[in-house]
C-alpha atoms as a PDB file:
ATOM      1  CA  MET A   1     118.835  94.495 103.366  1.00  0.00           C
ATOM      2  CA  TYR A   2     116.455  95.873 100.741  1.00  0.00           C
ATOM      3  CA  ALA A   3     115.003  99.359 101.193  1.00  0.00           C
ATOM      4  CA  PHE A   4     112.192 100.491  98.890  1.00  0.00           C
ATOM      5  CA  ASP A   5     110.823 103.877  98.031  1.00  0.00           C
ATOM      6  CA  ALA A   6     107.025 103.807  98.157  1.00  0.00           C
ATOM      7  CA  TYR A   7     105.379 106.294  95.798  1.00  0.00           C
ATOM      8  CA  GLY A   8     106.068 105.504  92.164  1.00  0.00           C
ATOM      9  CA  THR A   9     108.068 102.414  93.094  1.00  0.00           C
ATOM     10  CA  LEU A  10     105.621 100.240  95.016  1.00  0.00           C
ATOM     11  CA  PHE A  11     102.463 102.312  94.560  1.00  0.00           C
ATOM     12  CA  ASP A  12     101.199 103.861  91.314  1.00  0.00           C
ATOM     13  CA  VAL A  13     100.987 107.616  91.932  1.00  0.00           C
ATOM     14  CA  HIS A  14      98.688 108.056  88.937  1.00  0.00           C
ATOM     15  CA  ALA A  15      96.157 105.465  90.088  1.00  0.00           C
ATOM     16  CA  ALA A  16      93.955 107.947  91.958  1.00  0.00           C
ATOM     17  CA  ALA A  17      93.333 110.147  88.917  1.00  0.00           C
ATOM     18  CA  ALA A  18      92.911 107.101  86.696  1.00  0.00           C
ATOM     19  CA  GLU A  19      90.245 105.737  89.034  1.00  0.00           C
ATOM     20  CA  LEU A  20      88.283 108.995  88.826  1.00  0.00           C
ATOM     21  CA  ARG A  21      89.099 109.815  85.213  1.00  0.00           C
ATOM     22  CA  GLU A  22      85.475 110.149  84.095  1.00  0.00           C
ATOM     23  CA  ARG A  23      84.671 112.628  86.869  1.00  0.00           C
ATOM     24  CA  ILE A  24      87.803 114.702  86.239  1.00  0.00           C
ATOM     25  CA  GLY A  25      87.278 114.806  82.504  1.00  0.00           C
ATOM     26  CA  PRO A  26      89.698 115.017  79.575  1.00  0.00           C
ATOM     27  CA  GLN A  27      92.314 116.787  81.695  1.00  0.00           C
ATOM     28  CA  ALA A  28      92.702 113.788  84.029  1.00  0.00           C
ATOM     29  CA  GLN A  29      96.157 112.721  82.861  1.00  0.00           C
ATOM     30  CA  ARG A  30      97.465 116.284  82.798  1.00  0.00           C
ATOM     31  CA  LEU A  31      96.065 116.909  86.272  1.00  0.00           C
ATOM     32  CA  SER A  32      97.754 113.779  87.588  1.00  0.00           C
ATOM     33  CA  GLU A  33     101.119 114.734  86.097  1.00  0.00           C
ATOM     34  CA  ILE A  34     100.990 118.281  87.486  1.00  0.00           C
ATOM     35  CA  TRP A  35      99.840 116.927  90.847  1.00  0.00           C
ATOM     36  CA  ARG A  36     102.880 114.667  91.081  1.00  0.00           C
ATOM     37  CA  THR A  37     105.319 117.312  89.833  1.00  0.00           C
ATOM     38  CA  LYS A  38     104.139 119.937  92.318  1.00  0.00           C
ATOM     39  CA  GLN A  39     104.000 117.398  95.159  1.00  0.00           C
ATOM     40  CA  LEU A  40     107.707 116.675  94.708  1.00  0.00           C
ATOM     41  CA  GLU A  41     108.604 120.332  94.174  1.00  0.00           C
ATOM     42  CA  TYR A  42     106.911 121.264  97.434  1.00  0.00           C
ATOM     43  CA  THR A  43     108.888 118.636  99.386  1.00  0.00           C
ATOM     44  CA  TRP A  44     112.189 119.993  98.071  1.00  0.00           C
ATOM     45  CA  VAL A  45     111.284 123.631  98.707  1.00  0.00           C
ATOM     46  CA  ARG A  46     110.071 122.925 102.213  1.00  0.00           C
ATOM     47  CA  THR A  47     113.165 120.925 103.115  1.00  0.00           C
ATOM     48  CA  LEU A  48     115.485 123.641 101.824  1.00  0.00           C
ATOM     49  CA  SER A  49     113.521 126.368 103.596  1.00  0.00           C
ATOM     50  CA  GLY A  50     112.981 124.432 106.834  1.00  0.00           C
ATOM     51  CA  ALA A  51     109.224 125.008 106.576  1.00  0.00           C
ATOM     52  CA  TYR A  52     108.038 121.399 106.922  1.00  0.00           C
ATOM     53  CA  LEU A  53     104.492 120.318 106.230  1.00  0.00           C
ATOM     54  CA  ASP A  54     103.660 116.618 106.271  1.00  0.00           C
ATOM     55  CA  PHE A  55     103.266 114.709 103.038  1.00  0.00           C
ATOM     56  CA  MET A  56      99.485 114.500 103.162  1.00  0.00           C
ATOM     57  CA  THR A  57      99.245 118.278 103.472  1.00  0.00           C
ATOM     58  CA  VAL A  58     101.764 118.744 100.664  1.00  0.00           C
ATOM     59  CA  THR A  59      99.729 116.323  98.548  1.00  0.00           C
ATOM     60  CA  GLU A  60      96.566 118.347  99.184  1.00  0.00           C
ATOM     61  CA  HIS A  61      98.253 121.612  98.218  1.00  0.00           C
ATOM     62  CA  ALA A  62      99.686 120.042  95.070  1.00  0.00           C
ATOM     63  CA  LEU A  63      96.267 118.723  94.051  1.00  0.00           C
ATOM     64  CA  ASP A  64      94.723 122.148  94.524  1.00  0.00           C
ATOM     65  CA  PHE A  65      97.340 123.714  92.257  1.00  0.00           C
ATOM     66  CA  ALA A  66      96.927 120.991  89.636  1.00  0.00           C
ATOM     67  CA  ALA A  67      93.151 121.357  89.671  1.00  0.00           C
ATOM     68  CA  SER A  68      93.459 125.112  89.210  1.00  0.00           C
ATOM     69  CA  GLN A  69      95.562 124.503  86.098  1.00  0.00           C
ATOM     70  CA  CYS A  70      93.074 122.018  84.639  1.00  0.00           C
ATOM     71  CA  GLY A  71      89.751 123.780  84.873  1.00  0.00           C
ATOM     72  CA  GLY A  72      88.891 122.889  88.455  1.00  0.00           C
ATOM     73  CA  ILE A  73      87.265 119.899  90.144  1.00  0.00           C
ATOM     74  CA  SER A  74      84.285 119.574  92.458  1.00  0.00           C
ATOM     75  CA  PRO A  75      84.765 119.417  96.252  1.00  0.00           C
ATOM     76  CA  ASP A  76      83.524 115.806  96.216  1.00  0.00           C
ATOM     77  CA  THR A  77      86.032 114.820  93.528  1.00  0.00           C
ATOM     78  CA  ARG A  78      88.820 116.540  95.463  1.00  0.00           C
ATOM     79  CA  ALA A  79      87.902 114.635  98.618  1.00  0.00           C
ATOM     80  CA  ASP A  80      87.692 111.330  96.750  1.00  0.00           C
ATOM     81  CA  LEU A  81      91.044 111.871  95.020  1.00  0.00           C
ATOM     82  CA  LEU A  82      92.744 112.503  98.341  1.00  0.00           C
ATOM     83  CA  GLU A  83      91.074 109.489  99.908  1.00  0.00           C
ATOM     84  CA  SER A  84      92.102 107.340  96.949  1.00  0.00           C
ATOM     85  CA  TYR A  85      95.686 108.539  97.312  1.00  0.00           C
ATOM     86  CA  ARG A  86      95.810 106.904 100.720  1.00  0.00           C
ATOM     87  CA  SER A  87      95.227 103.474  99.150  1.00  0.00           C
ATOM     88  CA  LEU A  88      96.945 103.738  95.778  1.00  0.00           C
ATOM     89  CA  ALA A  89      97.112 100.550  93.741  1.00  0.00           C
ATOM     90  CA  ALA A  90     100.370  98.663  94.054  1.00  0.00           C
ATOM     91  CA  TYR A  91     102.116  97.595  90.862  1.00  0.00           C
ATOM     92  CA  PRO A  92     101.455  93.921  90.036  1.00  0.00           C
ATOM     93  CA  ASP A  93     105.114  92.950  90.547  1.00  0.00           C
ATOM     94  CA  VAL A  94     105.346  94.318  94.105  1.00  0.00           C
ATOM     95  CA  LYS A  95     103.830  91.551  96.194  1.00  0.00           C
ATOM     96  CA  PRO A  96     105.527  88.641  94.370  1.00  0.00           C
ATOM     97  CA  VAL A  97     108.936  90.310  94.596  1.00  0.00           C
ATOM     98  CA  LEU A  98     108.621  91.123  98.292  1.00  0.00           C
ATOM     99  CA  GLN A  99     107.502  87.541  98.908  1.00  0.00           C
ATOM    100  CA  ALA A 100     110.468  86.157  96.952  1.00  0.00           C
ATOM    101  CA  LEU A 101     112.919  88.302  98.899  1.00  0.00           C
ATOM    102  CA  ARG A 102     111.413  87.245 102.216  1.00  0.00           C
ATOM    103  CA  ASP A 103     111.425  83.591 101.162  1.00  0.00           C
ATOM    104  CA  GLY A 104     115.135  84.008 100.423  1.00  0.00           C
ATOM    105  CA  GLY A 105     115.803  85.307 103.919  1.00  0.00           C
ATOM    106  CA  ALA A 106     116.253  88.992 103.036  1.00  0.00           C
ATOM    107  CA  ARG A 107     115.107  91.842 105.253  1.00  0.00           C
ATOM    108  CA  THR A 108     112.900  94.480 103.629  1.00  0.00           C
ATOM    109  CA  VAL A 109     111.980  98.024 104.650  1.00  0.00           C
ATOM    110  CA  ILE A 110     110.161 100.964 103.114  1.00  0.00           C
ATOM    111  CA  LEU A 111     111.708 104.445 103.272  1.00  0.00           C
ATOM    112  CA  SER A 112     109.214 107.072 102.194  1.00  0.00           C
ATOM    113  CA  ASN A 113     108.219 110.711 102.258  1.00  0.00           C
ATOM    114  CA  GLY A 114     104.719 109.538 103.183  1.00  0.00           C
ATOM    115  CA  THR A 115     103.259 109.995 106.634  1.00  0.00           C
ATOM    116  CA  PRO A 116     102.997 106.908 108.865  1.00  0.00           C
ATOM    117  CA  SER A 117      99.219 106.776 108.444  1.00  0.00           C
ATOM    118  CA  MET A 118      99.411 107.143 104.651  1.00  0.00           C
ATOM    119  CA  LEU A 119     101.928 104.323 104.442  1.00  0.00           C
ATOM    120  CA  GLU A 120      99.933 102.125 106.798  1.00  0.00           C
ATOM    121  CA  ASP A 121      96.834 102.571 104.652  1.00  0.00           C
ATOM    122  CA  ALA A 122      98.711 101.920 101.405  1.00  0.00           C
ATOM    123  CA  CYS A 123     100.447  98.804 102.695  1.00  0.00           C
ATOM    124  CA  HIS A 124      97.184  97.456 104.076  1.00  0.00           C
ATOM    125  CA  ALA A 125      95.362  98.085 100.790  1.00  0.00           C
ATOM    126  CA  ALA A 126      98.153  96.282  98.916  1.00  0.00           C
ATOM    127  CA  GLY A 127      98.253  93.411 101.400  1.00  0.00           C
ATOM    128  CA  ILE A 128     102.012  93.692 101.948  1.00  0.00           C
ATOM    129  CA  GLU A 129     102.239  94.510 105.683  1.00  0.00           C
ATOM    130  CA  HIS A 130     103.556  91.033 106.480  1.00  0.00           C
ATOM    131  CA  LEU A 131     106.229  91.284 103.783  1.00  0.00           C
ATOM    132  CA  VAL A 132     107.923  94.404 105.148  1.00  0.00           C
ATOM    133  CA  ASP A 133     110.000  94.393 108.327  1.00  0.00           C
ATOM    134  CA  ARG A 134     109.714  98.116 108.939  1.00  0.00           C
ATOM    135  CA  VAL A 135     108.055 101.151 107.373  1.00  0.00           C
ATOM    136  CA  ILE A 136     110.156 104.276 107.870  1.00  0.00           C
ATOM    137  CA  SER A 137     108.642 107.736 107.340  1.00  0.00           C
ATOM    138  CA  VAL A 138     110.528 111.010 107.014  1.00  0.00           C
ATOM    139  CA  ASP A 139     107.968 112.443 109.425  1.00  0.00           C
ATOM    140  CA  SER A 140     110.290 111.553 112.307  1.00  0.00           C
ATOM    141  CA  ILE A 141     112.865 114.143 111.204  1.00  0.00           C
ATOM    142  CA  ARG A 142     110.534 116.546 109.383  1.00  0.00           C
ATOM    143  CA  ARG A 143     112.679 116.667 106.265  1.00  0.00           C
ATOM    144  CA  TYR A 144     112.271 115.076 102.838  1.00  0.00           C
ATOM    145  CA  LYS A 145     114.459 113.187 100.398  1.00  0.00           C
ATOM    146  CA  THR A 146     117.121 113.756  99.097  1.00  0.00           C
ATOM    147  CA  LEU A 147     118.514 114.982 102.414  1.00  0.00           C
ATOM    148  CA  ALA A 148     121.239 112.624 103.626  1.00  0.00           C
ATOM    149  CA  GLY A 149     119.591 112.395 107.029  1.00  0.00           C
ATOM    150  CA  VAL A 150     116.558 110.736 105.454  1.00  0.00           C
ATOM    151  CA  TYR A 151     118.614 107.869 104.024  1.00  0.00           C
ATOM    152  CA  ALA A 152     120.436 107.564 107.349  1.00  0.00           C
ATOM    153  CA  LEU A 153     117.119 106.573 108.940  1.00  0.00           C
ATOM    154  CA  VAL A 154     117.390 103.084 107.442  1.00  0.00           C
ATOM    155  CA  GLY A 155     120.618 102.364 109.300  1.00  0.00           C
ATOM    156  CA  GLU A 156     119.358 103.998 112.476  1.00  0.00           C
ATOM    157  CA  TRP A 157     116.256 101.795 112.512  1.00  0.00           C
ATOM    158  CA  THR A 158     117.856  98.549 111.338  1.00  0.00           C
ATOM    159  CA  GLY A 159     121.524  98.744 112.307  1.00  0.00           C
ATOM    160  CA  ALA A 160     122.590  97.978 108.730  1.00  0.00           C
ATOM    161  CA  ALA A 161     125.575  99.743 107.180  1.00  0.00           C
ATOM    162  CA  ALA A 162     124.876 101.881 104.127  1.00  0.00           C
ATOM    163  CA  SER A 163     127.035  99.624 101.938  1.00  0.00           C
ATOM    164  CA  ASP A 164     124.883  96.641 102.937  1.00  0.00           C
ATOM    165  CA  ILE A 165     121.639  98.264 101.861  1.00  0.00           C
ATOM    166  CA  SER A 166     120.177  97.931  98.382  1.00  0.00           C
ATOM    167  CA  PHE A 167     117.873 100.857  97.715  1.00  0.00           C
ATOM    168  CA  GLN A 168     115.178 100.561  95.041  1.00  0.00           C
ATOM    169  CA  SER A 169     113.344 103.544  93.570  1.00  0.00           C
ATOM    170  CA  SER A 170     111.623 104.463  90.325  1.00  0.00           C
ATOM    171  CA  ASN A 171     112.563 108.108  90.899  1.00  0.00           C
ATOM    172  CA  ARG A 172     115.949 108.920  89.378  1.00  0.00           C
ATOM    173  CA  TRP A 173     116.479 111.883  91.711  1.00  0.00           C
ATOM    174  CA  ASP A 174     115.899 109.522  94.652  1.00  0.00           C
ATOM    175  CA  ILE A 175     118.490 107.087  93.298  1.00  0.00           C
ATOM    176  CA  ALA A 176     120.928 110.004  93.010  1.00  0.00           C
ATOM    177  CA  GLY A 177     120.369 110.921  96.650  1.00  0.00           C
ATOM    178  CA  ALA A 178     120.723 107.323  97.808  1.00  0.00           C
ATOM    179  CA  ALA A 179     123.889 106.819  95.757  1.00  0.00           C
ATOM    180  CA  SER A 180     125.393 109.977  97.224  1.00  0.00           C
ATOM    181  CA  PHE A 181     124.648 108.639 100.693  1.00  0.00           C
ATOM    182  CA  GLY A 182     126.417 105.352  99.973  1.00  0.00           C
ATOM    183  CA  PHE A 183     123.604 102.868  99.341  1.00  0.00           C
ATOM    184  CA  ARG A 184     123.776 100.297  96.580  1.00  0.00           C
ATOM    185  CA  THR A 185     121.115 101.470  94.184  1.00  0.00           C
ATOM    186  CA  VAL A 186     118.642  99.903  91.769  1.00  0.00           C
ATOM    187  CA  TRP A 187     116.729 102.265  89.518  1.00  0.00           C
ATOM    188  CA  VAL A 188     113.349 100.794  88.586  1.00  0.00           C
ATOM    189  CA  ASN A 189     112.906 102.640  85.299  1.00  0.00           C
ATOM    190  CA  ARG A 190     109.333 101.586  84.611  1.00  0.00           C
ATOM    191  CA  THR A 191     108.683 104.139  81.883  1.00  0.00           C
ATOM    192  CA  GLY A 192     111.975 104.050  79.967  1.00  0.00           C
ATOM    193  CA  GLN A 193     113.167 107.502  80.992  1.00  0.00           C
ATOM    194  CA  PRO A 194     116.601 108.731  79.851  1.00  0.00           C
ATOM    195  CA  ASP A 195     119.327 108.570  82.463  1.00  0.00           C
ATOM    196  CA  GLU A 196     120.570 111.669  84.256  1.00  0.00           C
ATOM    197  CA  TYR A 197     122.776 112.522  87.265  1.00  0.00           C
ATOM    198  CA  HIS A 198     125.564 110.573  85.597  1.00  0.00           C
ATOM    199  CA  ASP A 199     127.992 111.271  88.427  1.00  0.00           C
ATOM    200  CA  LEU A 200     125.517 109.579  90.808  1.00  0.00           C
ATOM    201  CA  ALA A 201     124.898 106.481  88.739  1.00  0.00           C
ATOM    202  CA  ALA A 202     122.633 103.603  89.688  1.00  0.00           C
ATOM    203  CA  ASP A 203     124.388 100.286  90.289  1.00  0.00           C
ATOM    204  CA  HIS A 204     121.631  98.526  88.371  1.00  0.00           C
ATOM    205  CA  ILE A 205     118.804  99.643  86.089  1.00  0.00           C
ATOM    206  CA  ILE A 206     115.750  97.434  85.696  1.00  0.00           C
ATOM    207  CA  SER A 207     112.409  97.996  84.010  1.00  0.00           C
ATOM    208  CA  THR A 208     110.267  96.097  86.529  1.00  0.00           C
ATOM    209  CA  LEU A 209     110.719  95.001  90.109  1.00  0.00           C
ATOM    210  CA  SER A 210     110.331  91.410  88.959  1.00  0.00           C
ATOM    211  CA  GLN A 211     113.935  91.595  87.734  1.00  0.00           C
ATOM    212  CA  LEU A 212     115.252  92.425  91.206  1.00  0.00           C
ATOM    213  CA  PRO A 213     115.617  88.934  92.725  1.00  0.00           C
ATOM    214  CA  SER A 214     117.761  87.796  89.798  1.00  0.00           C
ATOM    215  CA  LEU A 215     120.381  90.506  90.291  1.00  0.00           C
ATOM    216  CA  THR A 216     123.637  89.197  91.698  1.00  0.00           C
ATOM    217  CA  LYS A 217     125.807  90.526  94.513  1.00  0.00           C
ATOM    218  CA  LEU A 218     123.002  92.289  96.310  1.00  0.00           C
ATOM    219  CA  PRO A 219     122.879  92.160 100.120  1.00  0.00           C
ATOM    220  CA  ALA A 220     120.610  89.724 101.925  1.00  0.00           C
END
C-alpha cells in the first residue's frame, strides 16, 4: 500500500503564483513562499488549539497575509490565485509513477490536509483519478497533520496495517509524523533540503518520485 501526501509531493504548491507571476510582480516568489509557510503554520496552530478551519479557508487566510507582506494584490488576482490553487500543476513524474505502481498491482491512496473538493479538482486537473484507489481528507476528523489520528485514517479506510503502508511526502515534518505513527516512509526531497528530525528518520530519501518504483522491500 502506497500513501501519498498531495501538496508539495504530487502537486506543485508554487504553481499558482508562477502562473500569475506577471500580475503579482517582482514579489511573486516571495509571496508564494510566505503563502506556503503561513498555510502550514495555520494548520498546526488550529490543530493544537482545536479551532479547525478547513484547508481552503486556511489557504485564503495565508494568501491574505502573504499579500500584505508583499505590497498587496488586486481582488481579481487574489480570486485567480485561489482558483488556480484548486488545480495546481502536478509534477511531471507523478502520473508515470502512479501508473507504474498500479501496473505492478499496488494499491495507492492520497492522504492530505486538503478538502475533498480541493483534492477532487486537483486530481481531475492532473488526470490521475483512475490511478488512486482512495483520496482521504483530514476534513473527516477536523484535525491536520502531524496528528497521529490523521495517519490512522489510511488504515481505517483501507484496512492496511501501519507497517504495510509506505508513505511518501516531500515535507520533512510530514515524514517525521508518519514515521512516529509507524509507517514506512519515503522522503521525496525534491529541492535538496538538509535532513532534520533525526530521531524520526525516513526509511528512504529520493530526489524524484520516479525513483520510487525501484526501491526494494516496499509493500505492494
